[in-house]
Amino acid sequence: MGKCVFVTVGTTSFDELITVISSDRCTSILRELGYNRMILQIGRGTVEPEPYSTPNFTMDVFRYKDSLAQDIRNADLVISHAGRGAGSCLETLEEKKHLIVVINEKLMSNHQLELAKQLREDGHLYYCTCSTLGNMLKSMDLSSLKIFPPGRPEKFAEFLDKAVGFT
């Protein structure tokens, strides 16, 4: 049946991510990696790619849903902007899904990058910017990622405090 990529920007606008991931270059890379479906959650962005379906690739697009849990559960790979922050990272990692966090350099606040760096250092995800996303897709080894320890919110809170420099 193939594999599914879910891309989410939450309630914000991250047009650059949507433009890059829906480009011919990135969709070709995804097809080469065995993905045949991509779902884009575009939030309040102004870039709204046309959904399409071909024999070897389908792209669906929506703005908002009450919950993204089912989309995350159904995905083989989640690509999320850093602005959704710890909540989306934790939700994705707790579902044992592979995750790429894309840093918005135009809105970058230090805690987003720090959290992504720490989770990468611990082997749980990859992170990149829009300009390096294509190369990240080509070079990533998802089998090297470690499963995030489930169900210990106090440990995650401790980790988050450390990552953003509160401790």
C-alpha atoms as a PDB file:
ATOM      1  CA  MET A   1       0.000   0.000   0.000  1.00  0.00           C
ATOM      2  CA  GLY A   2       2.918   2.384   0.446  1.00  0.00           C
ATOM      3  CA  LYS A   3       3.783   4.868   3.119  1.00  0.00           C
ATOM      4  CA  CYS A   4       2.281   8.169   4.259  1.00  0.00           C
ATOM      5  CA  VAL A   5       3.910  11.481   5.223  1.00  0.00           C
ATOM      6  CA  PHE A   6       1.955  13.881   7.409  1.00  0.00           C
ATOM      7  CA  VAL A   7       3.098  17.515   7.374  1.00  0.00           C
ATOM      8  CA  THR A   8       1.726  19.886  10.012  1.00  0.00           C
ATOM      9  CA  VAL A   9       2.146  23.586  10.746  1.00  0.00           C
ATOM     10  CA  GLY A  10      -0.476  23.734  13.501  1.00  0.00           C
ATOM     11  CA  THR A  11      -2.539  26.907  13.750  1.00  0.00           C
ATOM     12  CA  THR A  12       0.239  29.122  12.412  1.00  0.00           C
ATOM     13  CA  SER A  13       1.384  30.000   8.925  1.00  0.00           C
ATOM     14  CA  PHE A  14       4.569  28.437   7.563  1.00  0.00           C
ATOM     15  CA  ASP A  15       4.207  28.957   3.817  1.00  0.00           C
ATOM     16  CA  GLU A  16       7.881  28.252   3.145  1.00  0.00           C
ATOM     17  CA  LEU A  17       7.574  24.708   4.554  1.00  0.00           C
ATOM     18  CA  ILE A  18       4.400  24.005   2.571  1.00  0.00           C
ATOM     19  CA  THR A  19       6.024  25.351  -0.628  1.00  0.00           C
ATOM     20  CA  VAL A  20       9.191  23.295  -0.176  1.00  0.00           C
ATOM     21  CA  ILE A  21       7.572  19.990   0.849  1.00  0.00           C
ATOM     22  CA  SER A  22       5.006  20.136  -1.968  1.00  0.00           C
ATOM     23  CA  SER A  23       7.675  20.962  -4.576  1.00  0.00           C
ATOM     24  CA  ASP A  24       8.502  18.512  -7.361  1.00  0.00           C
ATOM     25  CA  ARG A  25      11.941  17.952  -5.813  1.00  0.00           C
ATOM     26  CA  CYS A  26      10.638  16.893  -2.385  1.00  0.00           C
ATOM     27  CA  THR A  27       7.711  14.847  -3.701  1.00  0.00           C
ATOM     28  CA  SER A  28      10.141  13.024  -6.038  1.00  0.00           C
ATOM     29  CA  ILE A  29      12.454  12.256  -3.114  1.00  0.00           C
ATOM     30  CA  LEU A  30       9.513  11.012  -1.057  1.00  0.00           C
ATOM     31  CA  ARG A  31       8.374   8.741  -3.916  1.00  0.00           C
ATOM     32  CA  GLU A  32      11.929   7.368  -4.214  1.00  0.00           C
ATOM     33  CA  LEU A  33      11.770   6.570  -0.466  1.00  0.00           C
ATOM     34  CA  GLY A  34       8.562   4.585  -0.960  1.00  0.00           C
ATOM     35  CA  TYR A  35       6.005   7.161   0.167  1.00  0.00           C
ATOM     36  CA  ASN A  36       2.881   7.297  -1.981  1.00  0.00           C
ATOM     37  CA  ARG A  37       0.748   9.694   0.051  1.00  0.00           C
ATOM     38  CA  MET A  38       1.310  13.087   1.667  1.00  0.00           C
ATOM     39  CA  ILE A  39      -1.178  14.944   3.830  1.00  0.00           C
ATOM     40  CA  LEU A  40      -0.550  18.658   4.357  1.00  0.00           C
ATOM     41  CA  GLN A  41      -2.093  20.513   7.280  1.00  0.00           C
ATOM     42  CA  ILE A  42      -1.509  24.128   6.225  1.00  0.00           C
ATOM     43  CA  GLY A  43      -3.017  26.141   9.101  1.00  0.00           C
ATOM     44  CA  ARG A  44      -3.671  29.755   8.231  1.00  0.00           C
ATOM     45  CA  GLY A  45      -1.026  29.934   5.505  1.00  0.00           C
ATOM     46  CA  THR A  46      -1.592  31.651   2.186  1.00  0.00           C
ATOM     47  CA  VAL A  47       0.060  28.839   0.209  1.00  0.00           C
ATOM     48  CA  GLU A  48      -2.561  26.182  -0.497  1.00  0.00           C
ATOM     49  CA  PRO A  49      -1.350  23.539  -2.931  1.00  0.00           C
ATOM     50  CA  GLU A  50      -3.953  21.807  -5.076  1.00  0.00           C
ATOM     51  CA  PRO A  51      -4.678  18.281  -3.858  1.00  0.00           C
ATOM     52  CA  TYR A  52      -3.955  15.667  -6.516  1.00  0.00           C
ATOM     53  CA  SER A  53      -3.839  11.967  -7.105  1.00  0.00           C
ATOM     54  CA  THR A  54      -1.710  10.063  -9.611  1.00  0.00           C
ATOM     55  CA  PRO A  55      -1.169   6.315  -9.833  1.00  0.00           C
ATOM     56  CA  ASN A  56       1.959   6.594  -7.651  1.00  0.00           C
ATOM     57  CA  PHE A  57       1.374   9.612  -5.388  1.00  0.00           C
ATOM     58  CA  THR A  58      -1.521  11.380  -3.682  1.00  0.00           C
ATOM     59  CA  MET A  59      -1.434  14.733  -1.909  1.00  0.00           C
ATOM     60  CA  ASP A  60      -4.285  15.851   0.344  1.00  0.00           C
ATOM     61  CA  VAL A  61      -4.543  19.319   1.896  1.00  0.00           C
ATOM     62  CA  PHE A  62      -6.545  20.707   4.818  1.00  0.00           C
ATOM     63  CA  ARG A  63      -6.347  23.713   7.136  1.00  0.00           C
ATOM     64  CA  TYR A  64      -7.599  22.578  10.551  1.00  0.00           C
ATOM     65  CA  LYS A  65      -9.124  19.650  12.419  1.00  0.00           C
ATOM     66  CA  ASP A  66     -10.180  19.316  16.032  1.00  0.00           C
ATOM     67  CA  SER A  67      -7.426  16.738  16.506  1.00  0.00           C
ATOM     68  CA  LEU A  68      -4.421  15.658  14.492  1.00  0.00           C
ATOM     69  CA  ALA A  69      -3.991  12.460  16.520  1.00  0.00           C
ATOM     70  CA  GLN A  70      -5.403  10.178  13.811  1.00  0.00           C
ATOM     71  CA  ASP A  71      -3.255  11.779  11.108  1.00  0.00           C
ATOM     72  CA  ILE A  72      -0.171  11.253  13.265  1.00  0.00           C
ATOM     73  CA  ARG A  73      -1.187   7.649  14.007  1.00  0.00           C
ATOM     74  CA  ASN A  74      -1.718   6.897  10.304  1.00  0.00           C
ATOM     75  CA  ALA A  75       1.589   8.446   9.201  1.00  0.00           C
ATOM     76  CA  ASP A  76       4.881   6.659   8.694  1.00  0.00           C
ATOM     77  CA  LEU A  77       6.743   9.981   8.868  1.00  0.00           C
ATOM     78  CA  VAL A  78       5.658  13.256  10.463  1.00  0.00           C
ATOM     79  CA  ILE A  79       7.188  16.565   9.398  1.00  0.00           C
ATOM     80  CA  SER A  80       6.289  19.300  11.864  1.00  0.00           C
ATOM     81  CA  HIS A  81       7.284  22.900  12.241  1.00  0.00           C
ATOM     82  CA  ALA A  82       9.004  23.764  15.486  1.00  0.00           C
ATOM     83  CA  GLY A  83       6.446  26.413  16.364  1.00  0.00           C
ATOM     84  CA  ARG A  84       3.930  23.788  17.492  1.00  0.00           C
ATOM     85  CA  GLY A  85       6.627  23.082  19.995  1.00  0.00           C
ATOM     86  CA  ALA A  86       6.895  20.453  22.643  1.00  0.00           C
ATOM     87  CA  GLY A  87       3.288  19.312  22.395  1.00  0.00           C
ATOM     88  CA  SER A  88       3.435  18.125  18.792  1.00  0.00           C
ATOM     89  CA  CYS A  89       6.889  16.632  19.267  1.00  0.00           C
ATOM     90  CA  LEU A  90       5.749  14.673  22.308  1.00  0.00           C
ATOM     91  CA  GLU A  91       2.497  13.557  20.674  1.00  0.00           C
ATOM     92  CA  THR A  92       4.373  12.289  17.609  1.00  0.00           C
ATOM     93  CA  LEU A  93       7.179  10.630  19.552  1.00  0.00           C
ATOM     94  CA  GLU A  94       4.752   8.945  21.962  1.00  0.00           C
ATOM     95  CA  GLU A  95       3.048   7.384  18.917  1.00  0.00           C
ATOM     96  CA  LYS A  96       6.492   5.976  18.025  1.00  0.00           C
ATOM     97  CA  LYS A  97       6.464   7.846  14.724  1.00  0.00           C
ATOM     98  CA  HIS A  98       9.515   9.072  12.851  1.00  0.00           C
ATOM     99  CA  LEU A  99       9.752  12.852  13.105  1.00  0.00           C
ATOM    100  CA  ILE A 100      11.487  15.665  11.273  1.00  0.00           C
ATOM    101  CA  VAL A 101      11.160  19.067  12.917  1.00  0.00           C
ATOM    102  CA  VAL A 102      11.564  22.008  10.539  1.00  0.00           C
ATOM    103  CA  ILE A 103      12.833  25.199  12.134  1.00  0.00           C
ATOM    104  CA  ASN A 104      11.310  28.427  10.804  1.00  0.00           C
ATOM    105  CA  GLU A 105      14.369  30.651  10.617  1.00  0.00           C
ATOM    106  CA  LYS A 106      12.180  33.733  10.199  1.00  0.00           C
ATOM    107  CA  LEU A 107      10.412  33.142  13.524  1.00  0.00           C
ATOM    108  CA  MET A 108      13.110  31.234  15.287  1.00  0.00           C
ATOM    109  CA  SER A 109      13.024  31.493  19.014  1.00  0.00           C
ATOM    110  CA  ASN A 110      15.894  29.843  20.783  1.00  0.00           C
ATOM    111  CA  HIS A 111      13.794  27.313  22.707  1.00  0.00           C
ATOM    112  CA  GLN A 112      12.495  25.716  19.482  1.00  0.00           C
ATOM    113  CA  LEU A 113      15.994  25.105  18.221  1.00  0.00           C
ATOM    114  CA  GLU A 114      17.228  23.997  21.647  1.00  0.00           C
ATOM    115  CA  LEU A 115      14.420  21.457  22.006  1.00  0.00           C
ATOM    116  CA  ALA A 116      15.032  20.078  18.499  1.00  0.00           C
ATOM    117  CA  LYS A 117      18.791  19.914  19.088  1.00  0.00           C
ATOM    118  CA  GLN A 118      18.366  18.061  22.389  1.00  0.00           C
ATOM    119  CA  LEU A 119      15.889  15.556  20.941  1.00  0.00           C
ATOM    120  CA  ARG A 120      18.246  14.999  17.979  1.00  0.00           C
ATOM    121  CA  GLU A 121      21.231  14.623  20.281  1.00  0.00           C
ATOM    122  CA  ASP A 122      19.269  11.969  22.171  1.00  0.00           C
ATOM    123  CA  GLY A 123      18.544  10.235  18.849  1.00  0.00           C
ATOM    124  CA  HIS A 124      14.753  10.708  18.764  1.00  0.00           C
ATOM    125  CA  LEU A 125      14.263  12.882  15.657  1.00  0.00           C
ATOM    126  CA  TYR A 126      15.861  14.842  12.858  1.00  0.00           C
ATOM    127  CA  TYR A 127      15.632  18.588  12.441  1.00  0.00           C
ATOM    128  CA  CYS A 128      16.431  20.944   9.592  1.00  0.00           C
ATOM    129  CA  THR A 129      15.405  24.196   7.963  1.00  0.00           C
ATOM    130  CA  CYS A 130      13.335  24.617   4.804  1.00  0.00           C
ATOM    131  CA  SER A 131      16.487  25.111   2.758  1.00  0.00           C
ATOM    132  CA  THR A 132      17.960  21.790   3.973  1.00  0.00           C
ATOM    133  CA  LEU A 133      14.751  19.696   4.019  1.00  0.00           C
ATOM    134  CA  GLY A 134      15.353  18.013   0.648  1.00  0.00           C
ATOM    135  CA  ASN A 135      18.879  17.001   1.617  1.00  0.00           C
ATOM    136  CA  MET A 136      17.621  15.797   5.006  1.00  0.00           C
ATOM    137  CA  LEU A 137      15.029  13.574   3.319  1.00  0.00           C
ATOM    138  CA  LYS A 138      17.731  12.115   1.070  1.00  0.00           C
ATOM    139  CA  SER A 139      20.271  11.483   3.839  1.00  0.00           C
ATOM    140  CA  MET A 140      18.134  10.516   6.841  1.00  0.00           C
ATOM    141  CA  ASP A 141      18.308   7.009   8.265  1.00  0.00           C
ATOM    142  CA  LEU A 142      15.011   6.569  10.084  1.00  0.00           C
ATOM    143  CA  SER A 143      16.066   3.154  11.383  1.00  0.00           C
ATOM    144  CA  SER A 144      18.723   4.867  13.512  1.00  0.00           C
ATOM    145  CA  LEU A 145      16.138   6.848  15.517  1.00  0.00           C
ATOM    146  CA  LYS A 146      15.408   5.733  19.074  1.00  0.00           C
ATOM    147  CA  ILE A 147      11.936   5.296  20.482  1.00  0.00           C
ATOM    148  CA  PHE A 148      11.072   8.018  22.987  1.00  0.00           C
ATOM    149  CA  PRO A 149      10.290   6.542  26.443  1.00  0.00           C
ATOM    150  CA  PRO A 150       6.492   6.520  26.813  1.00  0.00           C
ATOM    151  CA  GLY A 151       4.194   7.752  29.544  1.00  0.00           C
ATOM    152  CA  ARG A 152       6.514   9.663  31.841  1.00  0.00           C
ATOM    153  CA  PRO A 153       5.379  13.288  31.587  1.00  0.00           C
ATOM    154  CA  GLU A 154       7.518  14.366  34.545  1.00  0.00           C
ATOM    155  CA  LYS A 155      10.619  13.132  32.700  1.00  0.00           C
ATOM    156  CA  PHE A 156       9.591  15.065  29.607  1.00  0.00           C
ATOM    157  CA  ALA A 157       8.964  18.199  31.682  1.00  0.00           C
ATOM    158  CA  GLU A 158      12.409  17.753  33.245  1.00  0.00           C
ATOM    159  CA  PHE A 159      13.929  17.263  29.784  1.00  0.00           C
ATOM    160  CA  LEU A 160      12.100  20.314  28.413  1.00  0.00           C
ATOM    161  CA  ASP A 161      13.266  22.490  31.310  1.00  0.00           C
ATOM    162  CA  LYS A 162      16.842  21.377  30.633  1.00  0.00           C
ATOM    163  CA  ALA A 163      16.509  21.932  26.882  1.00  0.00           C
ATOM    164  CA  VAL A 164      15.260  25.506  27.244  1.00  0.00           C
ATOM    165  CA  GLY A 165      17.715  26.355  29.999  1.00  0.00           C
ATOM    166  CA  PHE A 166      15.427  26.548  33.051  1.00  0.00           C
ATOM    167  CA  THR A 167      17.657  24.142  35.016  1.00  0.00           C
END
